[in-house]
Amino acid sequence: MKVNKKRFLLIATMVIIMAMVLSAFVFAQGDEEPLPAVYSTMWALLPPIIAIALALITKEVYSSLFIGILAGALLVKNGNPVTAFTTMVNDGFIASLSDSWNVGILMFLVILGIIVVVMNRAGGSKAYGEWASTKISTRKGAMGATFGLGIIIFIDDYFNCLTVGSVMRPVTDNHNISRAKLAYLIDSTAAPICMIAPISSWAAAVTGVVEGYNGLELFIKAIPYNFYSLLTLVMIAFIIFRDLDYGPMRKYERNAVLHGDIFTDSKTPFEDEMQDVVSDKGTVIDLVLPIVVLIVSSVVGMIYTGGFFSGESFIDSFANSDASLGLAM
């Protein structure tokens, strides 16, 4: 861990220095504001390239994103570290956290995290997993149930991952499905279904950045053209139906089936997840009820902000809703 941190600090320092030098070179005129042409040149790609490269090299995602943002600020401010940092804080962090739309989405995500913890601690996820284990007798059935539950929980992709992961781990473990395959099924279902669900944190975020149009209506009309989401869901269904594995995933699945080792590919072992305190008195209702309440309250909150209880039709109130406020309610 110490070696990784030292390596990250070294690389991050080099990246910052390079960004400052490049900024001074590109913006040699020294103006306070950048040239308009900068925003349509290859230099605009530098910050995301830095962030992605650092994340892959150092495995430090959040720190890498921060360095990428800082590199972008340095480019904007001609390599001046003082004005770059001021711009990043005032026009970036503070402005974003002061926006009511962003705060509403943040509140919704915090509430989702609380709900997940409560469901897990209450034993609802464990109870549902144990109940599902008695009903599912095949590997294909376990993977299909994971996919199906991921489709149902479309409110938020992070909430989807946390909930489906907690619920389906006991089921997939009983059928010797590797954790790598479980992670793939969950992650490849969560984001795509959220990206095409009109009642979701993703829809709320997207509709909030569309100006001059009805954001939600535009989002719904764009669903048939969201090829990534639709094709990914079709691919997941095909992989489950054919029980197909290829590439590195085949190594994990083969090791899980032949040796009962769901954690490794027989060459690179890693430890199980951290054990949490879970109640033994939980029931299935402890999982189902919070999810149902969450979905119903989200719908009611959205149509309320759209004027449904003031005489607007369901469709119009849903289309004109304030998704950020409605989801947070």
C-alpha atoms as a PDB file:
ATOM      1  CA  MET A   1       0.000   0.000   0.000  1.00  0.00           C
ATOM      2  CA  LYS A   2       2.822   2.426   0.919  1.00  0.00           C
ATOM      3  CA  VAL A   3       4.587   1.640  -2.349  1.00  0.00           C
ATOM      4  CA  ASN A   4       1.413   2.384  -4.324  1.00  0.00           C
ATOM      5  CA  LYS A   5       0.932   5.696  -2.514  1.00  0.00           C
ATOM      6  CA  LYS A   6       4.518   6.743  -3.160  1.00  0.00           C
ATOM      7  CA  ARG A   7       4.191   5.780  -6.802  1.00  0.00           C
ATOM      8  CA  PHE A   8       0.947   7.712  -7.081  1.00  0.00           C
ATOM      9  CA  LEU A   9       2.441  10.850  -5.510  1.00  0.00           C
ATOM     10  CA  LEU A  10       5.442  10.674  -7.817  1.00  0.00           C
ATOM     11  CA  ILE A  11       3.369  10.230 -10.965  1.00  0.00           C
ATOM     12  CA  ALA A  12       0.819  12.859  -9.891  1.00  0.00           C
ATOM     13  CA  THR A  13       3.562  15.405  -9.268  1.00  0.00           C
ATOM     14  CA  MET A  14       5.059  14.740 -12.686  1.00  0.00           C
ATOM     15  CA  VAL A  15       1.649  15.083 -14.338  1.00  0.00           C
ATOM     16  CA  ILE A  16       0.960  18.409 -12.642  1.00  0.00           C
ATOM     17  CA  ILE A  17       4.352  19.790 -13.664  1.00  0.00           C
ATOM     18  CA  MET A  18       3.826  18.607 -17.249  1.00  0.00           C
ATOM     19  CA  ALA A  19       0.365  20.200 -17.333  1.00  0.00           C
ATOM     20  CA  MET A  20       1.784  23.507 -16.113  1.00  0.00           C
ATOM     21  CA  VAL A  21       4.581  23.440 -18.692  1.00  0.00           C
ATOM     22  CA  LEU A  22       2.211  22.493 -21.514  1.00  0.00           C
ATOM     23  CA  SER A  23      -0.220  25.192 -20.440  1.00  0.00           C
ATOM     24  CA  ALA A  24       2.472  27.838 -20.508  1.00  0.00           C
ATOM     25  CA  PHE A  25       3.619  26.574 -23.914  1.00  0.00           C
ATOM     26  CA  VAL A  26       0.173  26.454 -25.500  1.00  0.00           C
ATOM     27  CA  PHE A  27      -1.010  29.742 -24.024  1.00  0.00           C
ATOM     28  CA  ALA A  28       2.194  31.665 -24.460  1.00  0.00           C
ATOM     29  CA  GLN A  29       0.312  34.955 -24.808  1.00  0.00           C
ATOM     30  CA  GLY A  30      -0.278  34.974 -21.057  1.00  0.00           C
ATOM     31  CA  ASP A  31      -3.889  36.169 -21.211  1.00  0.00           C
ATOM     32  CA  GLU A  32      -6.010  35.541 -18.156  1.00  0.00           C
ATOM     33  CA  GLU A  33      -8.733  33.853 -20.205  1.00  0.00           C
ATOM     34  CA  PRO A  34      -7.945  30.997 -22.623  1.00  0.00           C
ATOM     35  CA  LEU A  35      -8.205  31.346 -26.351  1.00  0.00           C
ATOM     36  CA  PRO A  36     -11.591  30.179 -27.723  1.00  0.00           C
ATOM     37  CA  ALA A  37      -9.847  27.797 -30.110  1.00  0.00           C
ATOM     38  CA  VAL A  38      -8.583  25.770 -27.164  1.00  0.00           C
ATOM     39  CA  TYR A  39     -11.967  24.192 -26.603  1.00  0.00           C
ATOM     40  CA  SER A  40     -11.985  22.594 -30.029  1.00  0.00           C
ATOM     41  CA  THR A  41      -8.427  21.305 -30.103  1.00  0.00           C
ATOM     42  CA  MET A  42      -6.674  18.152 -28.972  1.00  0.00           C
ATOM     43  CA  TRP A  43      -5.655  19.854 -25.706  1.00  0.00           C
ATOM     44  CA  ALA A  44      -9.210  19.397 -24.435  1.00  0.00           C
ATOM     45  CA  LEU A  45      -8.515  15.649 -24.318  1.00  0.00           C
ATOM     46  CA  LEU A  46      -5.549  16.003 -21.980  1.00  0.00           C
ATOM     47  CA  PRO A  47      -7.406  16.116 -18.600  1.00  0.00           C
ATOM     48  CA  PRO A  48      -9.490  12.949 -19.191  1.00  0.00           C
ATOM     49  CA  ILE A  49      -6.449  11.137 -20.588  1.00  0.00           C
ATOM     50  CA  ILE A  50      -4.495  12.048 -17.461  1.00  0.00           C
ATOM     51  CA  ALA A  51      -7.306  10.918 -15.152  1.00  0.00           C
ATOM     52  CA  ILE A  52      -7.834   7.589 -16.926  1.00  0.00           C
ATOM     53  CA  ALA A  53      -4.123   6.834 -17.247  1.00  0.00           C
ATOM     54  CA  LEU A  54      -3.465   7.600 -13.576  1.00  0.00           C
ATOM     55  CA  ALA A  55      -6.410   5.455 -12.493  1.00  0.00           C
ATOM     56  CA  LEU A  56      -5.138   2.497 -14.522  1.00  0.00           C
ATOM     57  CA  ILE A  57      -1.553   2.862 -13.334  1.00  0.00           C
ATOM     58  CA  THR A  58      -2.063   3.675  -9.653  1.00  0.00           C
ATOM     59  CA  LYS A  59      -5.487   2.087  -8.969  1.00  0.00           C
ATOM     60  CA  GLU A  60      -6.373   5.319  -7.112  1.00  0.00           C
ATOM     61  CA  VAL A  61      -9.616   6.385  -8.829  1.00  0.00           C
ATOM     62  CA  TYR A  62     -10.710   9.399  -6.783  1.00  0.00           C
ATOM     63  CA  SER A  63      -7.231  10.852  -6.512  1.00  0.00           C
ATOM     64  CA  SER A  64      -6.732  10.374 -10.243  1.00  0.00           C
ATOM     65  CA  LEU A  65      -9.975  12.196 -11.007  1.00  0.00           C
ATOM     66  CA  PHE A  66      -8.864  15.063  -8.788  1.00  0.00           C
ATOM     67  CA  ILE A  67      -5.538  15.306 -10.623  1.00  0.00           C
ATOM     68  CA  GLY A  68      -7.388  15.275 -13.948  1.00  0.00           C
ATOM     69  CA  ILE A  69      -9.605  18.141 -12.802  1.00  0.00           C
ATOM     70  CA  LEU A  70      -6.585  20.073 -11.591  1.00  0.00           C
ATOM     71  CA  ALA A  71      -4.829  19.521 -14.922  1.00  0.00           C
ATOM     72  CA  GLY A  72      -7.880  20.908 -16.719  1.00  0.00           C
ATOM     73  CA  ALA A  73      -7.917  23.969 -14.478  1.00  0.00           C
ATOM     74  CA  LEU A  74      -4.226  24.533 -15.179  1.00  0.00           C
ATOM     75  CA  LEU A  75      -4.890  24.430 -18.917  1.00  0.00           C
ATOM     76  CA  VAL A  76      -7.719  26.927 -18.582  1.00  0.00           C
ATOM     77  CA  LYS A  77      -5.640  29.321 -16.495  1.00  0.00           C
ATOM     78  CA  ASN A  78      -2.475  29.193 -18.583  1.00  0.00           C
ATOM     79  CA  GLY A  79      -0.519  27.136 -16.078  1.00  0.00           C
ATOM     80  CA  ASN A  80      -1.024  29.536 -13.172  1.00  0.00           C
ATOM     81  CA  PRO A  81      -1.452  27.243 -10.139  1.00  0.00           C
ATOM     82  CA  VAL A  82      -3.040  29.929  -7.925  1.00  0.00           C
ATOM     83  CA  THR A  83      -5.805  30.963 -10.314  1.00  0.00           C
ATOM     84  CA  ALA A  84      -6.252  27.354 -11.422  1.00  0.00           C
ATOM     85  CA  PHE A  85      -6.865  26.163  -7.869  1.00  0.00           C
ATOM     86  CA  THR A  86      -9.204  29.106  -7.185  1.00  0.00           C
ATOM     87  CA  THR A  87     -11.191  28.366 -10.328  1.00  0.00           C
ATOM     88  CA  MET A  88     -11.384  24.674  -9.517  1.00  0.00           C
ATOM     89  CA  VAL A  89     -12.710  25.351  -6.007  1.00  0.00           C
ATOM     90  CA  ASN A  90     -15.022  28.307  -6.659  1.00  0.00           C
ATOM     91  CA  ASP A  91     -16.321  27.570 -10.160  1.00  0.00           C
ATOM     92  CA  GLY A  92     -16.123  23.815  -9.774  1.00  0.00           C
ATOM     93  CA  PHE A  93     -16.710  22.296  -6.364  1.00  0.00           C
ATOM     94  CA  ILE A  94     -18.543  25.154  -4.631  1.00  0.00           C
ATOM     95  CA  ALA A  95     -20.676  26.024  -7.659  1.00  0.00           C
ATOM     96  CA  SER A  96     -21.682  22.384  -8.146  1.00  0.00           C
ATOM     97  CA  LEU A  97     -22.501  21.805  -4.487  1.00  0.00           C
ATOM     98  CA  SER A  98     -24.468  25.077  -4.361  1.00  0.00           C
ATOM     99  CA  ASP A  99     -26.714  24.100  -7.251  1.00  0.00           C
ATOM    100  CA  SER A 100     -30.117  22.924  -5.993  1.00  0.00           C
ATOM    101  CA  TRP A 101     -30.385  20.296  -8.726  1.00  0.00           C
ATOM    102  CA  ASN A 102     -27.054  18.713  -7.807  1.00  0.00           C
ATOM    103  CA  VAL A 103     -27.874  18.841  -4.100  1.00  0.00           C
ATOM    104  CA  GLY A 104     -31.172  17.045  -4.732  1.00  0.00           C
ATOM    105  CA  ILE A 105     -29.440  14.242  -6.631  1.00  0.00           C
ATOM    106  CA  LEU A 106     -26.782  14.002  -3.910  1.00  0.00           C
ATOM    107  CA  MET A 107     -29.483  13.729  -1.227  1.00  0.00           C
ATOM    108  CA  PHE A 108     -31.181  10.969  -3.210  1.00  0.00           C
ATOM    109  CA  LEU A 109     -27.946   8.992  -3.490  1.00  0.00           C
ATOM    110  CA  VAL A 110     -27.290   9.382   0.244  1.00  0.00           C
ATOM    111  CA  ILE A 111     -30.802   8.111   0.997  1.00  0.00           C
ATOM    112  CA  LEU A 112     -30.200   5.113  -1.275  1.00  0.00           C
ATOM    113  CA  GLY A 113     -27.013   4.276   0.591  1.00  0.00           C
ATOM    114  CA  ILE A 114     -28.846   4.437   3.916  1.00  0.00           C
ATOM    115  CA  ILE A 115     -31.602   2.155   2.619  1.00  0.00           C
ATOM    116  CA  VAL A 116     -29.075  -0.420   1.422  1.00  0.00           C
ATOM    117  CA  VAL A 117     -27.302  -0.482   4.786  1.00  0.00           C
ATOM    118  CA  VAL A 118     -30.604  -0.807   6.668  1.00  0.00           C
ATOM    119  CA  MET A 119     -31.773  -3.678   4.447  1.00  0.00           C
ATOM    120  CA  ASN A 120     -28.489  -5.514   4.886  1.00  0.00           C
ATOM    121  CA  ARG A 121     -28.234  -4.958   8.640  1.00  0.00           C
ATOM    122  CA  ALA A 122     -31.889  -5.960   9.129  1.00  0.00           C
ATOM    123  CA  GLY A 123     -31.180  -9.259   7.398  1.00  0.00           C
ATOM    124  CA  GLY A 124     -33.584  -8.685   4.518  1.00  0.00           C
ATOM    125  CA  SER A 125     -30.991  -9.332   1.832  1.00  0.00           C
ATOM    126  CA  LYS A 126     -29.760 -12.458   3.608  1.00  0.00           C
ATOM    127  CA  ALA A 127     -33.311 -13.775   4.089  1.00  0.00           C
ATOM    128  CA  TYR A 128     -34.189 -13.214   0.443  1.00  0.00           C
ATOM    129  CA  GLY A 129     -30.993 -14.912  -0.679  1.00  0.00           C
ATOM    130  CA  GLU A 130     -31.711 -17.949   1.485  1.00  0.00           C
ATOM    131  CA  TRP A 131     -35.302 -18.099   0.227  1.00  0.00           C
ATOM    132  CA  ALA A 132     -34.204 -17.788  -3.395  1.00  0.00           C
ATOM    133  CA  SER A 133     -31.645 -20.565  -2.887  1.00  0.00           C
ATOM    134  CA  THR A 134     -34.479 -22.993  -2.167  1.00  0.00           C
ATOM    135  CA  LYS A 135     -36.252 -22.036  -5.403  1.00  0.00           C
ATOM    136  CA  ILE A 136     -33.288 -21.948  -7.786  1.00  0.00           C
ATOM    137  CA  SER A 137     -31.663 -25.262  -8.651  1.00  0.00           C
ATOM    138  CA  THR A 138     -29.348 -24.492 -11.595  1.00  0.00           C
ATOM    139  CA  ARG A 139     -26.469 -22.175 -12.442  1.00  0.00           C
ATOM    140  CA  LYS A 140     -28.441 -20.741 -15.323  1.00  0.00           C
ATOM    141  CA  GLY A 141     -31.354 -20.043 -13.000  1.00  0.00           C
ATOM    142  CA  ALA A 142     -29.082 -18.259 -10.519  1.00  0.00           C
ATOM    143  CA  MET A 143     -27.632 -16.048 -13.242  1.00  0.00           C
ATOM    144  CA  GLY A 144     -31.097 -15.397 -14.666  1.00  0.00           C
ATOM    145  CA  ALA A 145     -32.411 -14.394 -11.241  1.00  0.00           C
ATOM    146  CA  THR A 146     -29.484 -11.999 -10.835  1.00  0.00           C
ATOM    147  CA  PHE A 147     -30.256 -10.445 -14.202  1.00  0.00           C
ATOM    148  CA  GLY A 148     -33.981 -10.251 -13.449  1.00  0.00           C
ATOM    149  CA  LEU A 149     -33.506  -8.587 -10.072  1.00  0.00           C
ATOM    150  CA  GLY A 150     -31.151  -6.101 -11.710  1.00  0.00           C
ATOM    151  CA  ILE A 151     -33.863  -5.217 -14.227  1.00  0.00           C
ATOM    152  CA  ILE A 152     -36.421  -4.626 -11.460  1.00  0.00           C
ATOM    153  CA  ILE A 153     -34.216  -2.291  -9.424  1.00  0.00           C
ATOM    154  CA  PHE A 154     -33.873   0.465 -12.020  1.00  0.00           C
ATOM    155  CA  ILE A 155     -33.944   3.506  -9.736  1.00  0.00           C
ATOM    156  CA  ASP A 156     -30.178   3.946  -9.528  1.00  0.00           C
ATOM    157  CA  ASP A 157     -27.212   1.973 -10.812  1.00  0.00           C
ATOM    158  CA  TYR A 158     -25.260   2.176  -7.545  1.00  0.00           C
ATOM    159  CA  PHE A 159     -28.319   1.168  -5.539  1.00  0.00           C
ATOM    160  CA  ASN A 160     -28.805  -1.652  -8.026  1.00  0.00           C
ATOM    161  CA  CYS A 161     -25.246  -2.933  -7.613  1.00  0.00           C
ATOM    162  CA  LEU A 162     -25.310  -2.773  -3.822  1.00  0.00           C
ATOM    163  CA  THR A 163     -28.721  -4.419  -3.480  1.00  0.00           C
ATOM    164  CA  VAL A 164     -28.396  -7.141  -6.120  1.00  0.00           C
ATOM    165  CA  GLY A 165     -24.886  -7.956  -4.950  1.00  0.00           C
ATOM    166  CA  SER A 166     -25.971  -8.363  -1.335  1.00  0.00           C
ATOM    167  CA  VAL A 167     -29.038 -10.410  -2.249  1.00  0.00           C
ATOM    168  CA  MET A 168     -27.643 -12.732  -4.904  1.00  0.00           C
ATOM    169  CA  ARG A 169     -24.228 -13.562  -3.433  1.00  0.00           C
ATOM    170  CA  PRO A 170     -25.548 -16.500  -1.366  1.00  0.00           C
ATOM    171  CA  VAL A 171     -27.474 -17.829  -4.374  1.00  0.00           C
ATOM    172  CA  THR A 172     -24.607 -17.659  -6.857  1.00  0.00           C
ATOM    173  CA  ASP A 173     -22.137 -18.982  -4.275  1.00  0.00           C
ATOM    174  CA  ASN A 174     -24.288 -22.089  -3.819  1.00  0.00           C
ATOM    175  CA  HIS A 175     -24.101 -22.753  -7.551  1.00  0.00           C
ATOM    176  CA  ASN A 176     -20.337 -22.136  -7.852  1.00  0.00           C
ATOM    177  CA  ILE A 177     -20.639 -18.994  -9.936  1.00  0.00           C
ATOM    178  CA  SER A 178     -17.446 -16.987  -9.661  1.00  0.00           C
ATOM    179  CA  ARG A 179     -17.521 -13.566  -8.057  1.00  0.00           C
ATOM    180  CA  ALA A 180     -16.037 -12.187 -11.276  1.00  0.00           C
ATOM    181  CA  LYS A 181     -19.054 -13.471 -13.243  1.00  0.00           C
ATOM    182  CA  LEU A 182     -21.451 -12.163 -10.595  1.00  0.00           C
ATOM    183  CA  ALA A 183     -19.797  -8.736 -10.726  1.00  0.00           C
ATOM    184  CA  TYR A 184     -20.040  -8.723 -14.514  1.00  0.00           C
ATOM    185  CA  LEU A 185     -23.733  -9.631 -14.509  1.00  0.00           C
ATOM    186  CA  ILE A 186     -24.572  -7.008 -11.893  1.00  0.00           C
ATOM    187  CA  ASP A 187     -22.538  -4.149 -13.316  1.00  0.00           C
ATOM    188  CA  SER A 188     -23.551  -4.802 -16.924  1.00  0.00           C
ATOM    189  CA  THR A 189     -27.219  -4.756 -15.924  1.00  0.00           C
ATOM    190  CA  ALA A 190     -27.249  -1.872 -13.445  1.00  0.00           C
ATOM    191  CA  ALA A 191     -26.058   1.042 -15.575  1.00  0.00           C
ATOM    192  CA  PRO A 192     -27.822   0.074 -18.843  1.00  0.00           C
ATOM    193  CA  ILE A 193     -31.240  -0.422 -17.216  1.00  0.00           C
ATOM    194  CA  CYS A 194     -30.861   2.828 -15.293  1.00  0.00           C
ATOM    195  CA  MET A 195     -29.894   4.651 -18.499  1.00  0.00           C
ATOM    196  CA  ILE A 196     -33.181   3.706 -20.198  1.00  0.00           C
ATOM    197  CA  ALA A 197     -35.513   4.005 -17.180  1.00  0.00           C
ATOM    198  CA  PRO A 198     -37.440   7.324 -17.089  1.00  0.00           C
ATOM    199  CA  ILE A 199     -37.714   7.107 -13.291  1.00  0.00           C
ATOM    200  CA  SER A 200     -34.072   6.965 -12.286  1.00  0.00           C
ATOM    201  CA  SER A 201     -31.230   9.083 -11.014  1.00  0.00           C
ATOM    202  CA  TRP A 202     -29.674   8.850 -14.476  1.00  0.00           C
ATOM    203  CA  ALA A 203     -32.796  10.298 -16.124  1.00  0.00           C
ATOM    204  CA  ALA A 204     -32.877  13.037 -13.504  1.00  0.00           C
ATOM    205  CA  ALA A 205     -29.260  13.970 -14.188  1.00  0.00           C
ATOM    206  CA  VAL A 206     -29.667  13.928 -17.973  1.00  0.00           C
ATOM    207  CA  THR A 207     -32.894  15.950 -18.039  1.00  0.00           C
ATOM    208  CA  GLY A 208     -31.277  18.563 -15.836  1.00  0.00           C
ATOM    209  CA  VAL A 209     -28.679  19.519 -18.453  1.00  0.00           C
ATOM    210  CA  VAL A 210     -31.073  19.851 -21.405  1.00  0.00           C
ATOM    211  CA  GLU A 211     -32.020  23.467 -22.056  1.00  0.00           C
ATOM    212  CA  GLY A 212     -34.856  24.655 -24.255  1.00  0.00           C
ATOM    213  CA  TYR A 213     -36.594  21.269 -24.338  1.00  0.00           C
ATOM    214  CA  ASN A 214     -38.703  19.072 -22.109  1.00  0.00           C
ATOM    215  CA  GLY A 215     -35.819  17.040 -20.740  1.00  0.00           C
ATOM    216  CA  LEU A 216     -37.808  13.988 -19.681  1.00  0.00           C
ATOM    217  CA  GLU A 217     -39.745  13.820 -22.937  1.00  0.00           C
ATOM    218  CA  LEU A 218     -36.504  14.030 -24.876  1.00  0.00           C
ATOM    219  CA  PHE A 219     -34.983  11.322 -22.670  1.00  0.00           C
ATOM    220  CA  ILE A 220     -37.894   8.959 -23.357  1.00  0.00           C
ATOM    221  CA  LYS A 221     -37.752   9.574 -27.107  1.00  0.00           C
ATOM    222  CA  ALA A 222     -34.016   8.846 -27.092  1.00  0.00           C
ATOM    223  CA  ILE A 223     -34.383   5.426 -25.432  1.00  0.00           C
ATOM    224  CA  PRO A 224     -34.639   3.467 -28.736  1.00  0.00           C
ATOM    225  CA  TYR A 225     -31.345   5.058 -29.804  1.00  0.00           C
ATOM    226  CA  ASN A 226     -29.478   4.140 -26.628  1.00  0.00           C
ATOM    227  CA  PHE A 227     -27.743   1.295 -28.413  1.00  0.00           C
ATOM    228  CA  TYR A 228     -25.151   0.656 -25.719  1.00  0.00           C
ATOM    229  CA  SER A 229     -27.758  -0.027 -23.046  1.00  0.00           C
ATOM    230  CA  LEU A 230     -30.066  -2.084 -25.230  1.00  0.00           C
ATOM    231  CA  LEU A 231     -27.321  -4.195 -26.813  1.00  0.00           C
ATOM    232  CA  THR A 232     -25.619  -4.766 -23.463  1.00  0.00           C
ATOM    233  CA  LEU A 233     -28.836  -6.101 -21.934  1.00  0.00           C
ATOM    234  CA  VAL A 234     -29.380  -8.349 -24.949  1.00  0.00           C
ATOM    235  CA  MET A 235     -25.788  -9.582 -24.661  1.00  0.00           C
ATOM    236  CA  ILE A 236     -26.237 -10.412 -20.978  1.00  0.00           C
ATOM    237  CA  ALA A 237     -29.402 -12.384 -21.728  1.00  0.00           C
ATOM    238  CA  PHE A 238     -27.604 -14.262 -24.514  1.00  0.00           C
ATOM    239  CA  ILE A 239     -24.616 -15.107 -22.289  1.00  0.00           C
ATOM    240  CA  ILE A 240     -26.911 -16.427 -19.557  1.00  0.00           C
ATOM    241  CA  PHE A 241     -29.070 -18.442 -21.950  1.00  0.00           C
ATOM    242  CA  ARG A 242     -26.070 -20.046 -23.649  1.00  0.00           C
ATOM    243  CA  ASP A 243     -23.978 -20.214 -20.447  1.00  0.00           C
ATOM    244  CA  LEU A 244     -21.211 -18.647 -22.495  1.00  0.00           C
ATOM    245  CA  ASP A 245     -17.837 -17.569 -21.131  1.00  0.00           C
ATOM    246  CA  TYR A 246     -14.795 -16.372 -23.027  1.00  0.00           C
ATOM    247  CA  GLY A 247     -11.456 -14.718 -22.395  1.00  0.00           C
ATOM    248  CA  PRO A 248     -10.285 -14.284 -18.787  1.00  0.00           C
ATOM    249  CA  MET A 249     -13.836 -14.878 -17.518  1.00  0.00           C
ATOM    250  CA  ARG A 250     -13.602 -18.490 -18.677  1.00  0.00           C
ATOM    251  CA  LYS A 251     -10.645 -19.037 -16.324  1.00  0.00           C
ATOM    252  CA  TYR A 252     -12.619 -17.800 -13.320  1.00  0.00           C
ATOM    253  CA  GLU A 253     -15.706 -19.815 -14.189  1.00  0.00           C
ATOM    254  CA  ARG A 254     -13.750 -22.975 -14.954  1.00  0.00           C
ATOM    255  CA  ASN A 255     -11.947 -22.742 -11.621  1.00  0.00           C
ATOM    256  CA  ALA A 256     -15.253 -22.150  -9.816  1.00  0.00           C
ATOM    257  CA  VAL A 257     -16.966 -25.147 -11.426  1.00  0.00           C
ATOM    258  CA  LEU A 258     -14.071 -27.614 -11.177  1.00  0.00           C
ATOM    259  CA  HIS A 259     -12.586 -26.623  -7.821  1.00  0.00           C
ATOM    260  CA  GLY A 260     -15.389 -24.747  -6.077  1.00  0.00           C
ATOM    261  CA  ASP A 261     -13.142 -21.687  -5.806  1.00  0.00           C
ATOM    262  CA  ILE A 262     -15.341 -18.706  -6.645  1.00  0.00           C
ATOM    263  CA  PHE A 263     -12.717 -16.095  -5.815  1.00  0.00           C
ATOM    264  CA  THR A 264      -9.712 -16.792  -8.025  1.00  0.00           C
ATOM    265  CA  ASP A 265      -8.589 -17.966 -11.430  1.00  0.00           C
ATOM    266  CA  SER A 266      -6.323 -20.548  -9.716  1.00  0.00           C
ATOM    267  CA  LYS A 267      -3.323 -18.231 -10.140  1.00  0.00           C
ATOM    268  CA  THR A 268      -4.204 -14.922  -8.486  1.00  0.00           C
ATOM    269  CA  PRO A 269      -6.007 -15.394  -5.162  1.00  0.00           C
ATOM    270  CA  PHE A 270      -7.711 -12.556  -3.343  1.00  0.00           C
ATOM    271  CA  GLU A 271      -9.632 -12.326  -0.084  1.00  0.00           C
ATOM    272  CA  ASP A 272     -13.369 -12.431   0.497  1.00  0.00           C
ATOM    273  CA  GLU A 273     -15.348  -9.254   1.115  1.00  0.00           C
ATOM    274  CA  MET A 274     -15.463  -7.706   4.571  1.00  0.00           C
ATOM    275  CA  GLN A 275     -17.965  -9.396   6.828  1.00  0.00           C
ATOM    276  CA  ASP A 276     -20.704  -7.129   8.185  1.00  0.00           C
ATOM    277  CA  VAL A 277     -22.998  -7.566  11.176  1.00  0.00           C
ATOM    278  CA  VAL A 278     -26.315  -8.952   9.891  1.00  0.00           C
ATOM    279  CA  SER A 279     -29.425  -9.820  11.876  1.00  0.00           C
ATOM    280  CA  ASP A 280     -30.556 -13.456  11.892  1.00  0.00           C
ATOM    281  CA  LYS A 281     -34.187 -12.390  12.371  1.00  0.00           C
ATOM    282  CA  GLY A 282     -34.605 -10.784   8.968  1.00  0.00           C
ATOM    283  CA  THR A 283     -37.402 -11.746   6.585  1.00  0.00           C
ATOM    284  CA  VAL A 284     -37.985 -11.325   2.872  1.00  0.00           C
ATOM    285  CA  ILE A 285     -40.356  -8.440   3.578  1.00  0.00           C
ATOM    286  CA  ASP A 286     -37.415  -6.518   5.063  1.00  0.00           C
ATOM    287  CA  LEU A 287     -35.992  -6.381   1.551  1.00  0.00           C
ATOM    288  CA  VAL A 288     -39.124  -6.157  -0.583  1.00  0.00           C
ATOM    289  CA  LEU A 289     -40.925  -3.449   1.401  1.00  0.00           C
ATOM    290  CA  PRO A 290     -38.137  -0.814   1.288  1.00  0.00           C
ATOM    291  CA  ILE A 291     -37.677  -1.320  -2.461  1.00  0.00           C
ATOM    292  CA  VAL A 292     -41.421  -1.044  -3.154  1.00  0.00           C
ATOM    293  CA  VAL A 293     -41.702   2.052  -0.960  1.00  0.00           C
ATOM    294  CA  LEU A 294     -38.696   3.578  -2.717  1.00  0.00           C
ATOM    295  CA  ILE A 295     -40.143   3.064  -6.203  1.00  0.00           C
ATOM    296  CA  VAL A 296     -43.649   4.245  -5.252  1.00  0.00           C
ATOM    297  CA  SER A 297     -42.387   7.301  -3.378  1.00  0.00           C
ATOM    298  CA  SER A 298     -40.120   8.214  -6.298  1.00  0.00           C
ATOM    299  CA  VAL A 299     -43.039   8.100  -8.746  1.00  0.00           C
ATOM    300  CA  VAL A 300     -45.324  10.048  -6.395  1.00  0.00           C
ATOM    301  CA  GLY A 301     -42.625  12.636  -5.741  1.00  0.00           C
ATOM    302  CA  MET A 302     -42.002  13.190  -9.439  1.00  0.00           C
ATOM    303  CA  ILE A 303     -45.662  13.577 -10.426  1.00  0.00           C
ATOM    304  CA  TYR A 304     -46.200  15.832  -7.400  1.00  0.00           C
ATOM    305  CA  THR A 305     -43.529  18.242  -8.604  1.00  0.00           C
ATOM    306  CA  GLY A 306     -45.119  18.087 -12.067  1.00  0.00           C
ATOM    307  CA  GLY A 307     -48.516  19.252 -10.791  1.00  0.00           C
ATOM    308  CA  PHE A 308     -50.448  15.974 -10.793  1.00  0.00           C
ATOM    309  CA  PHE A 309     -52.282  16.876  -7.586  1.00  0.00           C
ATOM    310  CA  SER A 310     -53.125  20.291  -9.043  1.00  0.00           C
ATOM    311  CA  GLY A 311     -55.060  18.894 -11.980  1.00  0.00           C
ATOM    312  CA  GLU A 312     -52.386  17.924 -14.499  1.00  0.00           C
ATOM    313  CA  SER A 313     -52.623  14.547 -16.208  1.00  0.00           C
ATOM    314  CA  PHE A 314     -50.259  11.764 -15.195  1.00  0.00           C
ATOM    315  CA  ILE A 315     -48.303  11.959 -18.454  1.00  0.00           C
ATOM    316  CA  ASP A 316     -47.986  15.757 -18.378  1.00  0.00           C
ATOM    317  CA  SER A 317     -47.061  15.861 -14.699  1.00  0.00           C
ATOM    318  CA  PHE A 318     -44.464  13.166 -15.226  1.00  0.00           C
ATOM    319  CA  ALA A 319     -43.004  14.969 -18.238  1.00  0.00           C
ATOM    320  CA  ASN A 320     -42.896  18.332 -16.426  1.00  0.00           C
ATOM    321  CA  SER A 321     -41.610  16.981 -13.122  1.00  0.00           C
ATOM    322  CA  ASP A 322     -38.556  18.180 -11.251  1.00  0.00           C
ATOM    323  CA  ALA A 323     -36.733  14.856 -11.088  1.00  0.00           C
ATOM    324  CA  SER A 324     -34.080  16.066  -8.657  1.00  0.00           C
ATOM    325  CA  LEU A 325     -36.620  17.324  -6.119  1.00  0.00           C
ATOM    326  CA  GLY A 326     -39.074  14.487  -6.733  1.00  0.00           C
ATOM    327  CA  LEU A 327     -36.542  11.720  -6.153  1.00  0.00           C
ATOM    328  CA  ALA A 328     -35.149  13.403  -3.041  1.00  0.00           C
ATOM    329  CA  MET A 329     -38.644  13.726  -1.536  1.00  0.00           C
END
